[in-house]
Structure formats: structure tokens, C-alpha cells
């Protein structure tokens, strides 16, 4: 049991959180892509209106921001929060193994 005020997180919990982050990233893929595509489609449809260029800019800016947010959560890329959680779990296990080896009988 952890002492009061201390933190103890098991690698399995970190990996479970990484899996959840991947699922969130994957679940956001279609809505994010659809929102950007719908806004671009609207700007094309309204190409004769003065608002079309601004709508296209918003579609591009928000589409890029939402896509980047989704990637940073999980599902893609080695720098996502999901991958950071996995690397933390790996590092924790490595340190535990190294510590155990230092106390092993020679």
C-alpha cells in the first residue's frame, strides 16, 4: 500500500490509459474528418458569396487543429499521449527490473 501523499501507478494502468487514449483518437477520426469536409463543401457551394473564403479558412484552420488534437491524444504518431503513457510504463518496468537486479544475490 502506498504511503499517504505518495503516488503509485502500475504499468498496466498506464497501458490501459494508453489504450483508452488510442480509442478516443480513433473515435474522433470520422467526426473530425466529416466536420472539415462539410465546412469545405459549404464553402465550395457558397463560392459566389463573400463568406465563402472565410468559411474555407475556418474549415482549414479548425480542421487542422482538430486533426492535430486527435493525433496528439492517440492512435497515430510516436509523440501522442498514448505513446507517452506506454513509454512511461516501459520505463517504470525497466527501473523496477534494474532495481530488483541490484538486490539480487550474486
PDB file of N, CA and C in Angstrom:
ATOM      1  N   UNK A   1       0.840  -1.176   0.000  1.00  0.00           N
ATOM      2  CA  UNK A   1       0.000   0.000   0.000  1.00  0.00           C
ATOM      3  C   UNK A   1       0.890   1.246   0.000  1.00  0.00           C
ATOM      4  N   UNK A   2       0.534   2.220  -0.774  1.00  0.00           N
ATOM      5  CA  UNK A   2       1.305   3.455  -0.883  1.00  0.00           C
ATOM      6  C   UNK A   2       1.099   4.305   0.360  1.00  0.00           C
ATOM      7  N   UNK A   3       2.160   4.990   0.766  1.00  0.00           N
ATOM      8  CA  UNK A   3       2.057   5.899   1.897  1.00  0.00           C
ATOM      9  C   UNK A   3       1.192   7.091   1.518  1.00  0.00           C
ATOM     10  N   UNK A   4       0.634   7.717   2.521  1.00  0.00           N
ATOM     11  CA  UNK A   4      -0.180   8.903   2.289  1.00  0.00           C
ATOM     12  C   UNK A   4       0.654   9.969   1.586  1.00  0.00           C
ATOM     13  N   UNK A   5       0.130  10.525   0.533  1.00  0.00           N
ATOM     14  CA  UNK A   5       0.819  11.562  -0.216  1.00  0.00           C
ATOM     15  C   UNK A   5       1.744  11.037  -1.294  1.00  0.00           C
ATOM     16  N   UNK A   6       1.894   9.737  -1.375  1.00  0.00           N
ATOM     17  CA  UNK A   6       2.763   9.176  -2.420  1.00  0.00           C
ATOM     18  C   UNK A   6       1.925   8.737  -3.612  1.00  0.00           C
ATOM     19  N   UNK A   7       2.606   8.546  -4.718  1.00  0.00           N
ATOM     20  CA  UNK A   7       1.929   8.128  -5.948  1.00  0.00           C
ATOM     21  C   UNK A   7       2.469   6.774  -6.355  1.00  0.00           C
ATOM     22  N   UNK A   8       1.578   5.876  -6.660  1.00  0.00           N
ATOM     23  CA  UNK A   8       1.970   4.555  -7.134  1.00  0.00           C
ATOM     24  C   UNK A   8       1.051   4.180  -8.290  1.00  0.00           C
ATOM     25  N   UNK A   9       1.604   4.160  -9.481  1.00  0.00           N
ATOM     26  CA  UNK A   9       0.820   3.824 -10.666  1.00  0.00           C
ATOM     27  C   UNK A   9       1.447   2.590 -11.305  1.00  0.00           C
ATOM     28  N   UNK A  10       0.653   1.595 -11.495  1.00  0.00           N
ATOM     29  CA  UNK A  10       1.125   0.353 -12.098  1.00  0.00           C
ATOM     30  C   UNK A  10       1.267   0.527 -13.615  1.00  0.00           C
ATOM     31  N   UNK A  11       2.285  -0.102 -14.213  1.00  0.00           N
ATOM     32  CA  UNK A  11       2.435  -0.040 -15.668  1.00  0.00           C
ATOM     33  C   UNK A  11       1.180  -0.515 -16.415  1.00  0.00           C
ATOM     34  N   UNK A  12       0.484  -1.496 -15.858  1.00  0.00           N
ATOM     35  CA  UNK A  12      -0.735  -1.981 -16.523  1.00  0.00           C
ATOM     36  C   UNK A  12      -1.807  -0.892 -16.587  1.00  0.00           C
ATOM     37  N   UNK A  13      -1.853  -0.036 -15.555  1.00  0.00           N
ATOM     38  CA  UNK A  13      -2.812   1.067 -15.561  1.00  0.00           C
ATOM     39  C   UNK A  13      -2.423   2.113 -16.602  1.00  0.00           C
ATOM     40  N   UNK A  14      -1.123   2.351 -16.733  1.00  0.00           N
ATOM     41  CA  UNK A  14      -0.653   3.283 -17.759  1.00  0.00           C
ATOM     42  C   UNK A  14      -0.983   2.763 -19.149  1.00  0.00           C
ATOM     43  N   UNK A  15      -0.783   1.468 -19.357  1.00  0.00           N
ATOM     44  CA  UNK A  15      -1.092   0.876 -20.672  1.00  0.00           C
ATOM     45  C   UNK A  15      -2.598   0.888 -20.949  1.00  0.00           C
ATOM     46  N   UNK A  16      -3.391   0.673 -19.914  1.00  0.00           N
ATOM     47  CA  UNK A  16      -4.846   0.751 -20.092  1.00  0.00           C
ATOM     48  C   UNK A  16      -5.256   2.176 -20.468  1.00  0.00           C
ATOM     49  N   UNK A  17      -4.639   3.156 -19.839  1.00  0.00           N
ATOM     50  CA  UNK A  17      -4.926   4.554 -20.187  1.00  0.00           C
ATOM     51  C   UNK A  17      -4.487   4.868 -21.607  1.00  0.00           C
ATOM     52  N   UNK A  18      -3.359   4.298 -22.021  1.00  0.00           N
ATOM     53  CA  UNK A  18      -2.893   4.482 -23.399  1.00  0.00           C
ATOM     54  C   UNK A  18      -3.896   3.894 -24.378  1.00  0.00           C
ATOM     55  N   UNK A  19      -4.415   2.725 -24.053  1.00  0.00           N
ATOM     56  CA  UNK A  19      -5.436   2.109 -24.914  1.00  0.00           C
ATOM     57  C   UNK A  19      -6.687   2.972 -25.003  1.00  0.00           C
ATOM     58  N   UNK A  20      -7.078   3.569 -23.878  1.00  0.00           N
ATOM     59  CA  UNK A  20      -8.248   4.460 -23.878  1.00  0.00           C
ATOM     60  C   UNK A  20      -7.977   5.695 -24.738  1.00  0.00           C
ATOM     61  N   UNK A  21      -6.771   6.242 -24.634  1.00  0.00           N
ATOM     62  CA  UNK A  21      -6.414   7.413 -25.454  1.00  0.00           C
ATOM     63  C   UNK A  21      -6.437   7.059 -26.934  1.00  0.00           C
ATOM     64  N   UNK A  22      -5.925   5.874 -27.278  1.00  0.00           N
ATOM     65  CA  UNK A  22      -5.991   5.425 -28.676  1.00  0.00           C
ATOM     66  C   UNK A  22      -7.435   5.318 -29.145  1.00  0.00           C
ATOM     67  N   UNK A  23      -8.293   4.761 -28.298  1.00  0.00           N
ATOM     68  CA  UNK A  23      -9.711   4.612 -28.663  1.00  0.00           C
ATOM     69  C   UNK A  23     -10.365   5.981 -28.869  1.00  0.00           C
ATOM     70  N   UNK A  24     -10.053   6.931 -28.008  1.00  0.00           N
ATOM     71  CA  UNK A  24     -10.601   8.284 -28.157  1.00  0.00           C
ATOM     72  C   UNK A  24     -10.135   8.890 -29.477  1.00  0.00           C
ATOM     73  N   UNK A  25      -8.845   8.770 -29.750  1.00  0.00           N
ATOM     74  CA  UNK A  25      -8.316   9.291 -31.012  1.00  0.00           C
ATOM     75  C   UNK A  25      -8.974   8.646 -32.217  1.00  0.00           C
ATOM     76  N   UNK A  26      -9.144   7.326 -32.150  1.00  0.00           N
ATOM     77  CA  UNK A  26      -9.794   6.615 -33.252  1.00  0.00           C
ATOM     78  C   UNK A  26     -11.263   7.026 -33.398  1.00  0.00           C
ATOM     79  N   UNK A  27     -11.952   7.186 -32.266  1.00  0.00           N
ATOM     80  CA  UNK A  27     -13.367   7.575 -32.311  1.00  0.00           C
ATOM     81  C   UNK A  27     -13.570   8.992 -32.839  1.00  0.00           C
ATOM     82  N   UNK A  28     -12.571   9.844 -32.673  1.00  0.00           N
ATOM     83  CA  UNK A  28     -12.680  11.219 -33.164  1.00  0.00           C
ATOM     84  C   UNK A  28     -12.385  11.344 -34.653  1.00  0.00           C
ATOM     85  N   UNK A  29     -11.753  10.336 -35.231  1.00  0.00           N
ATOM     86  CA  UNK A  29     -11.317  10.422 -36.628  1.00  0.00           C
ATOM     87  C   UNK A  29     -12.467  10.783 -37.578  1.00  0.00           C
ATOM     88  N   UNK A  30     -13.531  10.020 -37.591  1.00  0.00           N
ATOM     89  CA  UNK A  30     -14.624  10.273 -38.542  1.00  0.00           C
ATOM     90  C   UNK A  30     -15.332  11.601 -38.296  1.00  0.00           C
ATOM     91  N   UNK A  31     -15.698  11.928 -37.041  1.00  0.00           N
ATOM     92  CA  UNK A  31     -16.361  13.228 -36.835  1.00  0.00           C
ATOM     93  C   UNK A  31     -15.479  14.422 -37.226  1.00  0.00           C
ATOM     94  N   UNK A  32     -14.188  14.348 -36.922  1.00  0.00           N
ATOM     95  CA  UNK A  32     -13.283  15.446 -37.276  1.00  0.00           C
ATOM     96  C   UNK A  32     -13.170  15.566 -38.793  1.00  0.00           C
ATOM     97  N   UNK A  33     -12.969  14.448 -39.474  1.00  0.00           N
ATOM     98  CA  UNK A  33     -12.876  14.469 -40.935  1.00  0.00           C
ATOM     99  C   UNK A  33     -14.171  14.964 -41.572  1.00  0.00           C
ATOM    100  N   UNK A  34     -15.303  14.532 -41.018  1.00  0.00           N
ATOM    101  CA  UNK A  34     -16.607  14.941 -41.569  1.00  0.00           C
ATOM    102  C   UNK A  34     -16.843  16.434 -41.365  1.00  0.00           C
ATOM    103  N   UNK A  35     -16.509  16.939 -40.200  1.00  0.00           N
ATOM    104  CA  UNK A  35     -16.710  18.368 -39.926  1.00  0.00           C
ATOM    105  C   UNK A  35     -15.890  19.222 -40.899  1.00  0.00           C
ATOM    106  N   UNK A  36     -14.645  18.850 -41.094  1.00  0.00           N
ATOM    107  CA  UNK A  36     -13.799  19.617 -42.019  1.00  0.00           C
ATOM    108  C   UNK A  36     -14.310  19.495 -43.454  1.00  0.00           C
ATOM    109  N   UNK A  37     -14.682  18.300 -43.855  1.00  0.00           N
ATOM    110  CA  UNK A  37     -15.190  18.098 -45.220  1.00  0.00           C
ATOM    111  C   UNK A  37     -16.498  18.860 -45.436  1.00  0.00           C
ATOM    112  N   UNK A  38     -17.384  18.843 -44.457  1.00  0.00           N
ATOM    113  CA  UNK A  38     -18.666  19.554 -44.580  1.00  0.00           C
ATOM    114  C   UNK A  38     -18.446  21.063 -44.699  1.00  0.00           C
ATOM    115  N   UNK A  39     -17.521  21.601 -43.911  1.00  0.00           N
ATOM    116  CA  UNK A  39     -17.253  23.038 -43.987  1.00  0.00           C
ATOM    117  C   UNK A  39     -16.632  23.401 -45.333  1.00  0.00           C
ATOM    118  N   UNK A  40     -15.727  22.562 -45.823  1.00  0.00           N
ATOM    119  CA  UNK A  40     -15.131  22.827 -47.146  1.00  0.00           C
ATOM    120  C   UNK A  40     -16.195  22.745 -48.240  1.00  0.00           C
ATOM    121  N   UNK A  41     -17.061  21.748 -48.122  1.00  0.00           N
ATOM    122  CA  UNK A  41     -18.136  21.592 -49.099  1.00  0.00           C
ATOM    123  C   UNK A  41     -19.056  22.820 -49.090  1.00  0.00           C
ATOM    124  N   UNK A  42     -19.351  23.311 -47.908  1.00  0.00           N
ATOM    125  CA  UNK A  42     -20.201  24.504 -47.806  1.00  0.00           C
ATOM    126  C   UNK A  42     -19.522  25.706 -48.451  1.00  0.00           C
ATOM    127  N   UNK A  43     -18.209  25.828 -48.249  1.00  0.00           N
ATOM    128  CA  UNK A  43     -17.515  26.975 -48.852  1.00  0.00           C
ATOM    129  C   UNK A  43     -17.511  26.886 -50.370  1.00  0.00           C
ATOM    130  N   UNK A  44     -17.413  25.676 -50.908  1.00  0.00           N
ATOM    131  CA  UNK A  44     -17.458  25.496 -52.370  1.00  0.00           C
ATOM    132  C   UNK A  44     -18.855  25.817 -52.881  1.00  0.00           C
ATOM    133  N   UNK A  45     -19.865  25.339 -52.160  1.00  0.00           N
ATOM    134  CA  UNK A  45     -21.252  25.583 -52.560  1.00  0.00           C
ATOM    135  C   UNK A  45     -21.571  27.075 -52.554  1.00  0.00           C
ATOM    136  N   UNK A  46     -20.961  27.800 -51.623  1.00  0.00           N
ATOM    137  CA  UNK A  46     -21.251  29.226 -51.480  1.00  0.00           C
ATOM    138  C   UNK A  46     -20.154  30.082 -52.112  1.00  0.00           C
ATOM    139  N   UNK A  47     -19.477  29.561 -53.141  1.00  0.00           N
ATOM    140  CA  UNK A  47     -18.309  30.239 -53.705  1.00  0.00           C
ATOM    141  C   UNK A  47     -18.602  31.639 -54.257  1.00  0.00           C
ATOM    142  N   UNK A  48     -19.829  31.943 -54.550  1.00  0.00           N
ATOM    143  CA  UNK A  48     -20.158  33.271 -55.076  1.00  0.00           C
ATOM    144  C   UNK A  48     -20.497  34.254 -53.958  1.00  0.00           C
ATOM    145  N   UNK A  49     -20.569  33.779 -52.756  1.00  0.00           N
ATOM    146  CA  UNK A  49     -20.869  34.641 -51.619  1.00  0.00           C
ATOM    147  C   UNK A  49     -19.555  35.119 -51.007  1.00  0.00           C
ATOM    148  N   UNK A  50     -19.591  36.270 -50.402  1.00  0.00           N
ATOM    149  CA  UNK A  50     -18.374  36.829 -49.797  1.00  0.00           C
ATOM    150  C   UNK A  50     -17.889  36.004 -48.604  1.00  0.00           C
ATOM    151  N   UNK A  51     -18.771  35.260 -48.018  1.00  0.00           N
ATOM    152  CA  UNK A  51     -18.414  34.460 -46.838  1.00  0.00           C
ATOM    153  C   UNK A  51     -17.655  33.177 -47.199  1.00  0.00           C
ATOM    154  N   UNK A  52     -17.645  32.798 -48.460  1.00  0.00           N
ATOM    155  CA  UNK A  52     -17.048  31.519 -48.881  1.00  0.00           C
ATOM    156  C   UNK A  52     -15.572  31.415 -48.506  1.00  0.00           C
ATOM    157  N   UNK A  53     -14.806  32.457 -48.737  1.00  0.00           N
ATOM    158  CA  UNK A  53     -13.368  32.410 -48.429  1.00  0.00           C
ATOM    159  C   UNK A  53     -13.138  32.263 -46.929  1.00  0.00           C
ATOM    160  N   UNK A  54     -13.934  32.975 -46.152  1.00  0.00           N
ATOM    161  CA  UNK A  54     -13.792  32.876 -44.693  1.00  0.00           C
ATOM    162  C   UNK A  54     -14.203  31.492 -44.199  1.00  0.00           C
ATOM    163  N   UNK A  55     -15.234  30.929 -44.763  1.00  0.00           N
ATOM    164  CA  UNK A  55     -15.666  29.581 -44.401  1.00  0.00           C
ATOM    165  C   UNK A  55     -14.596  28.553 -44.760  1.00  0.00           C
ATOM    166  N   UNK A  56     -13.955  28.749 -45.893  1.00  0.00           N
ATOM    167  CA  UNK A  56     -12.875  27.848 -46.287  1.00  0.00           C
ATOM    168  C   UNK A  56     -11.696  27.969 -45.311  1.00  0.00           C
ATOM    169  N   UNK A  57     -11.385  29.195 -44.895  1.00  0.00           N
ATOM    170  CA  UNK A  57     -10.305  29.397 -43.933  1.00  0.00           C
ATOM    171  C   UNK A  57     -10.629  28.730 -42.606  1.00  0.00           C
ATOM    172  N   UNK A  58     -11.863  28.902 -42.149  1.00  0.00           N
ATOM    173  CA  UNK A  58     -12.288  28.277 -40.889  1.00  0.00           C
ATOM    174  C   UNK A  58     -12.219  26.755 -41.010  1.00  0.00           C
ATOM    175  N   UNK A  59     -12.679  26.228 -42.134  1.00  0.00           N
ATOM    176  CA  UNK A  59     -12.626  24.776 -42.345  1.00  0.00           C
ATOM    177  C   UNK A  59     -11.189  24.281 -42.288  1.00  0.00           C
ATOM    178  N   UNK A  60     -10.300  25.025 -42.918  1.00  0.00           N
ATOM    179  CA  UNK A  60      -8.895  24.624 -42.921  1.00  0.00           C
ATOM    180  C   UNK A  60      -8.281  24.737 -41.529  1.00  0.00           C
ATOM    181  N   UNK A  61      -8.472  25.888 -40.879  1.00  0.00           N
ATOM    182  CA  UNK A  61      -7.862  26.114 -39.563  1.00  0.00           C
ATOM    183  C   UNK A  61      -8.409  25.153 -38.508  1.00  0.00           C
ATOM    184  N   UNK A  62      -9.730  25.046 -38.438  1.00  0.00           N
ATOM    185  CA  UNK A  62     -10.326  24.152 -37.446  1.00  0.00           C
ATOM    186  C   UNK A  62     -10.078  22.690 -37.804  1.00  0.00           C
ATOM    187  N   UNK A  63     -10.124  22.385 -39.081  1.00  0.00           N
ATOM    188  CA  UNK A  63      -9.847  21.005 -39.498  1.00  0.00           C
ATOM    189  C   UNK A  63      -8.446  20.588 -39.106  1.00  0.00           C
ATOM    190  N   UNK A  64      -7.487  21.462 -39.341  1.00  0.00           N
ATOM    191  CA  UNK A  64      -6.099  21.172 -38.963  1.00  0.00           C
ATOM    192  C   UNK A  64      -5.958  21.063 -37.447  1.00  0.00           C
ATOM    193  N   UNK A  65      -6.551  21.998 -36.716  1.00  0.00           N
ATOM    194  CA  UNK A  65      -6.444  21.983 -35.252  1.00  0.00           C
ATOM    195  C   UNK A  65      -7.078  20.723 -34.662  1.00  0.00           C
ATOM    196  N   UNK A  66      -8.251  20.364 -35.141  1.00  0.00           N
ATOM    197  CA  UNK A  66      -8.927  19.168 -34.619  1.00  0.00           C
ATOM    198  C   UNK A  66      -8.184  17.895 -35.005  1.00  0.00           C
ATOM    199  N   UNK A  67      -7.658  17.859 -36.211  1.00  0.00           N
ATOM    200  CA  UNK A  67      -6.872  16.698 -36.643  1.00  0.00           C
ATOM    201  C   UNK A  67      -5.615  16.564 -35.773  1.00  0.00           C
ATOM    202  N   UNK A  68      -4.933  17.670 -35.516  1.00  0.00           N
ATOM    203  CA  UNK A  68      -3.737  17.641 -34.676  1.00  0.00           C
ATOM    204  C   UNK A  68      -4.072  17.232 -33.242  1.00  0.00           C
ATOM    205  N   UNK A  69      -5.190  17.724 -32.723  1.00  0.00           N
ATOM    206  CA  UNK A  69      -5.626  17.339 -31.385  1.00  0.00           C
ATOM    207  C   UNK A  69      -5.880  15.844 -31.315  1.00  0.00           C
ATOM    208  N   UNK A  70      -6.580  15.312 -32.307  1.00  0.00           N
ATOM    209  CA  UNK A  70      -6.878  13.888 -32.340  1.00  0.00           C
ATOM    210  C   UNK A  70      -5.582  13.075 -32.369  1.00  0.00           C
ATOM    211  N   UNK A  71      -4.635  13.487 -33.194  1.00  0.00           N
ATOM    212  CA  UNK A  71      -3.356  12.773 -33.275  1.00  0.00           C
ATOM    213  C   UNK A  71      -2.571  12.875 -31.973  1.00  0.00           C
ATOM    214  N   UNK A  72      -2.669  13.999 -31.286  1.00  0.00           N
ATOM    215  CA  UNK A  72      -1.906  14.148 -30.045  1.00  0.00           C
ATOM    216  C   UNK A  72      -2.485  13.305 -28.918  1.00  0.00           C
ATOM    217  N   UNK A  73      -3.771  12.987 -28.996  1.00  0.00           N
ATOM    218  CA  UNK A  73      -4.391  12.137 -27.979  1.00  0.00           C
ATOM    219  C   UNK A  73      -3.942  10.697 -28.151  1.00  0.00           C
ATOM    220  N   UNK A  74      -4.092  10.175 -29.355  1.00  0.00           N
ATOM    221  CA  UNK A  74      -3.698   8.793 -29.572  1.00  0.00           C
ATOM    222  C   UNK A  74      -4.090   8.291 -30.927  1.00  0.00           C
ATOM    223  N   UNK A  75      -3.633   7.116 -31.222  1.00  0.00           N
ATOM    224  CA  UNK A  75      -3.980   6.483 -32.479  1.00  0.00           C
ATOM    225  C   UNK A  75      -2.927   6.605 -33.544  1.00  0.00           C
ATOM    226  N   UNK A  76      -2.194   7.683 -33.549  1.00  0.00           N
ATOM    227  CA  UNK A  76      -1.177   7.897 -34.575  1.00  0.00           C
ATOM    228  C   UNK A  76       0.016   8.615 -33.977  1.00  0.00           C
ATOM    229  N   UNK A  77       1.151   8.329 -34.511  1.00  0.00           N
ATOM    230  CA  UNK A  77       2.328   9.109 -34.167  1.00  0.00           C
ATOM    231  C   UNK A  77       2.995   8.691 -32.871  1.00  0.00           C
ATOM    232  N   UNK A  78       4.299   8.794 -32.863  1.00  0.00           N
ATOM    233  CA  UNK A  78       5.076   8.406 -31.702  1.00  0.00           C
ATOM    234  C   UNK A  78       5.092   9.437 -30.602  1.00  0.00           C
ATOM    235  N   UNK A  79       4.489  10.585 -30.822  1.00  0.00           N
ATOM    236  CA  UNK A  79       4.511  11.628 -29.806  1.00  0.00           C
ATOM    237  C   UNK A  79       3.125  11.863 -29.210  1.00  0.00           C
ATOM    238  N   UNK A  80       2.225  10.906 -29.384  1.00  0.00           N
ATOM    239  CA  UNK A  80       0.879  11.065 -28.830  1.00  0.00           C
ATOM    240  C   UNK A  80       0.904  10.803 -27.327  1.00  0.00           C
ATOM    241  N   UNK A  81      -0.124  11.255 -26.660  1.00  0.00           N
ATOM    242  CA  UNK A  81      -0.241  10.985 -25.224  1.00  0.00           C
ATOM    243  C   UNK A  81      -0.275   9.482 -24.968  1.00  0.00           C
ATOM    244  N   UNK A  82      -0.920   8.738 -25.833  1.00  0.00           N
ATOM    245  CA  UNK A  82      -0.967   7.284 -25.680  1.00  0.00           C
ATOM    246  C   UNK A  82       0.437   6.685 -25.718  1.00  0.00           C
ATOM    247  N   UNK A  83       1.246   7.124 -26.647  1.00  0.00           N
ATOM    248  CA  UNK A  83       2.615   6.604 -26.738  1.00  0.00           C
ATOM    249  C   UNK A  83       3.462   7.046 -25.547  1.00  0.00           C
ATOM    250  N   UNK A  84       3.233   8.239 -25.059  1.00  0.00           N
ATOM    251  CA  UNK A  84       3.965   8.695 -23.865  1.00  0.00           C
ATOM    252  C   UNK A  84       3.609   7.843 -22.656  1.00  0.00           C
ATOM    253  N   UNK A  85       2.344   7.491 -22.525  1.00  0.00           N
ATOM    254  CA  UNK A  85       1.935   6.616 -21.432  1.00  0.00           C
ATOM    255  C   UNK A  85       2.609   5.250 -21.550  1.00  0.00           C
ATOM    256  N   UNK A  86       2.688   4.728 -22.775  1.00  0.00           N
ATOM    257  CA  UNK A  86       3.351   3.429 -22.975  1.00  0.00           C
ATOM    258  C   UNK A  86       4.837   3.510 -22.643  1.00  0.00           C
ATOM    259  N   UNK A  87       5.484   4.589 -23.075  1.00  0.00           N
ATOM    260  CA  UNK A  87       6.917   4.748 -22.763  1.00  0.00           C
ATOM    261  C   UNK A  87       7.135   4.895 -21.260  1.00  0.00           C
ATOM    262  N   UNK A  88       6.228   5.569 -20.579  1.00  0.00           N
ATOM    263  CA  UNK A  88       6.335   5.693 -19.130  1.00  0.00           C
ATOM    264  C   UNK A  88       6.204   4.331 -18.471  1.00  0.00           C
ATOM    265  N   UNK A  89       5.256   3.517 -18.938  1.00  0.00           N
ATOM    266  CA  UNK A  89       5.099   2.164 -18.402  1.00  0.00           C
ATOM    267  C   UNK A  89       6.352   1.339 -18.647  1.00  0.00           C
ATOM    268  N   UNK A  90       6.907   1.432 -19.846  1.00  0.00           N
ATOM    269  CA  UNK A  90       8.133   0.697 -20.164  1.00  0.00           C
ATOM    270  C   UNK A  90       9.286   1.143 -19.269  1.00  0.00           C
ATOM    271  N   UNK A  91       9.424   2.452 -19.074  1.00  0.00           N
ATOM    272  CA  UNK A  91      10.486   2.976 -18.226  1.00  0.00           C
ATOM    273  C   UNK A  91      10.323   2.543 -16.781  1.00  0.00           C
ATOM    274  N   UNK A  92       9.071   2.530 -16.323  1.00  0.00           N
ATOM    275  CA  UNK A  92       8.786   2.098 -14.952  1.00  0.00           C
ATOM    276  C   UNK A  92       9.191   0.629 -14.771  1.00  0.00           C
ATOM    277  N   UNK A  93       8.813  -0.207 -15.703  1.00  0.00           N
ATOM    278  CA  UNK A  93       9.173  -1.626 -15.618  1.00  0.00           C
ATOM    279  C   UNK A  93      10.688  -1.810 -15.698  1.00  0.00           C
ATOM    280  N   UNK A  94      11.337  -1.055 -16.580  1.00  0.00           N
ATOM    281  CA  UNK A  94      12.788  -1.142 -16.708  1.00  0.00           C
ATOM    282  C   UNK A  94      13.459  -0.788 -15.377  1.00  0.00           C
ATOM    283  N   UNK A  95      13.021   0.311 -14.769  1.00  0.00           N
ATOM    284  CA  UNK A  95      13.592   0.727 -13.485  1.00  0.00           C
ATOM    285  C   UNK A  95      13.334  -0.299 -12.389  1.00  0.00           C
ATOM    286  N   UNK A  96      12.144  -0.871 -12.372  1.00  0.00           N
ATOM    287  CA  UNK A  96      11.832  -1.908 -11.384  1.00  0.00           C
ATOM    288  C   UNK A  96      12.745  -3.112 -11.559  1.00  0.00           C
ATOM    289  N   UNK A  97      12.943  -3.541 -12.817  1.00  0.00           N
ATOM    290  CA  UNK A  97      13.819  -4.676 -13.092  1.00  0.00           C
ATOM    291  C   UNK A  97      15.251  -4.367 -12.692  1.00  0.00           C
ATOM    292  N   UNK A  98      15.710  -3.176 -13.021  1.00  0.00           N
ATOM    293  CA  UNK A  98      17.079  -2.783 -12.689  1.00  0.00           C
ATOM    294  C   UNK A  98      17.273  -2.736 -11.175  1.00  0.00           C
ATOM    295  N   UNK A  99      16.306  -2.209 -10.470  1.00  0.00           N
ATOM    296  CA  UNK A  99      16.374  -2.152  -9.006  1.00  0.00           C
ATOM    297  C   UNK A  99      16.388  -3.558  -8.426  1.00  0.00           C
ATOM    298  N   UNK A 100      15.530  -4.423  -8.944  1.00  0.00           N
ATOM    299  CA  UNK A 100      15.487  -5.809  -8.452  1.00  0.00           C
ATOM    300  C   UNK A 100      16.816  -6.517  -8.694  1.00  0.00           C
ATOM    301  N   UNK A 101      17.426  -6.273  -9.833  1.00  0.00           N
ATOM    302  CA  UNK A 101      18.717  -6.904 -10.148  1.00  0.00           C
ATOM    303  C   UNK A 101      19.807  -6.431  -9.207  1.00  0.00           C
ATOM    304  N   UNK A 102      19.731  -5.163  -8.781  1.00  0.00           N
ATOM    305  CA  UNK A 102      20.765  -4.646  -7.882  1.00  0.00           C
ATOM    306  C   UNK A 102      20.688  -5.286  -6.499  1.00  0.00           C
ATOM    307  N   UNK A 103      19.528  -5.823  -6.147  1.00  0.00           N
ATOM    308  CA  UNK A 103      19.388  -6.506  -4.861  1.00  0.00           C
ATOM    309  C   UNK A 103      19.491  -8.017  -4.975  1.00  0.00           C
ATOM    310  N   UNK A 104      19.616  -8.514  -6.191  1.00  0.00           N
ATOM    311  CA  UNK A 104      19.705  -9.974  -6.402  1.00  0.00           C
ATOM    312  C   UNK A 104      20.996 -10.502  -5.819  1.00  0.00           C
ATOM    313  N   UNK A 105      20.934 -11.716  -5.342  1.00  0.00           N
ATOM    314  CA  UNK A 105      22.137 -12.372  -4.799  1.00  0.00           C
ATOM    315  C   UNK A 105      23.116 -12.634  -5.930  1.00  0.00           C
ATOM    316  N   UNK A 106      24.356 -12.363  -5.680  1.00  0.00           N
ATOM    317  CA  UNK A 106      25.396 -12.534  -6.698  1.00  0.00           C
ATOM    318  C   UNK A 106      25.995 -13.909  -6.570  1.00  0.00           C
TER     319      UNK A 106
END
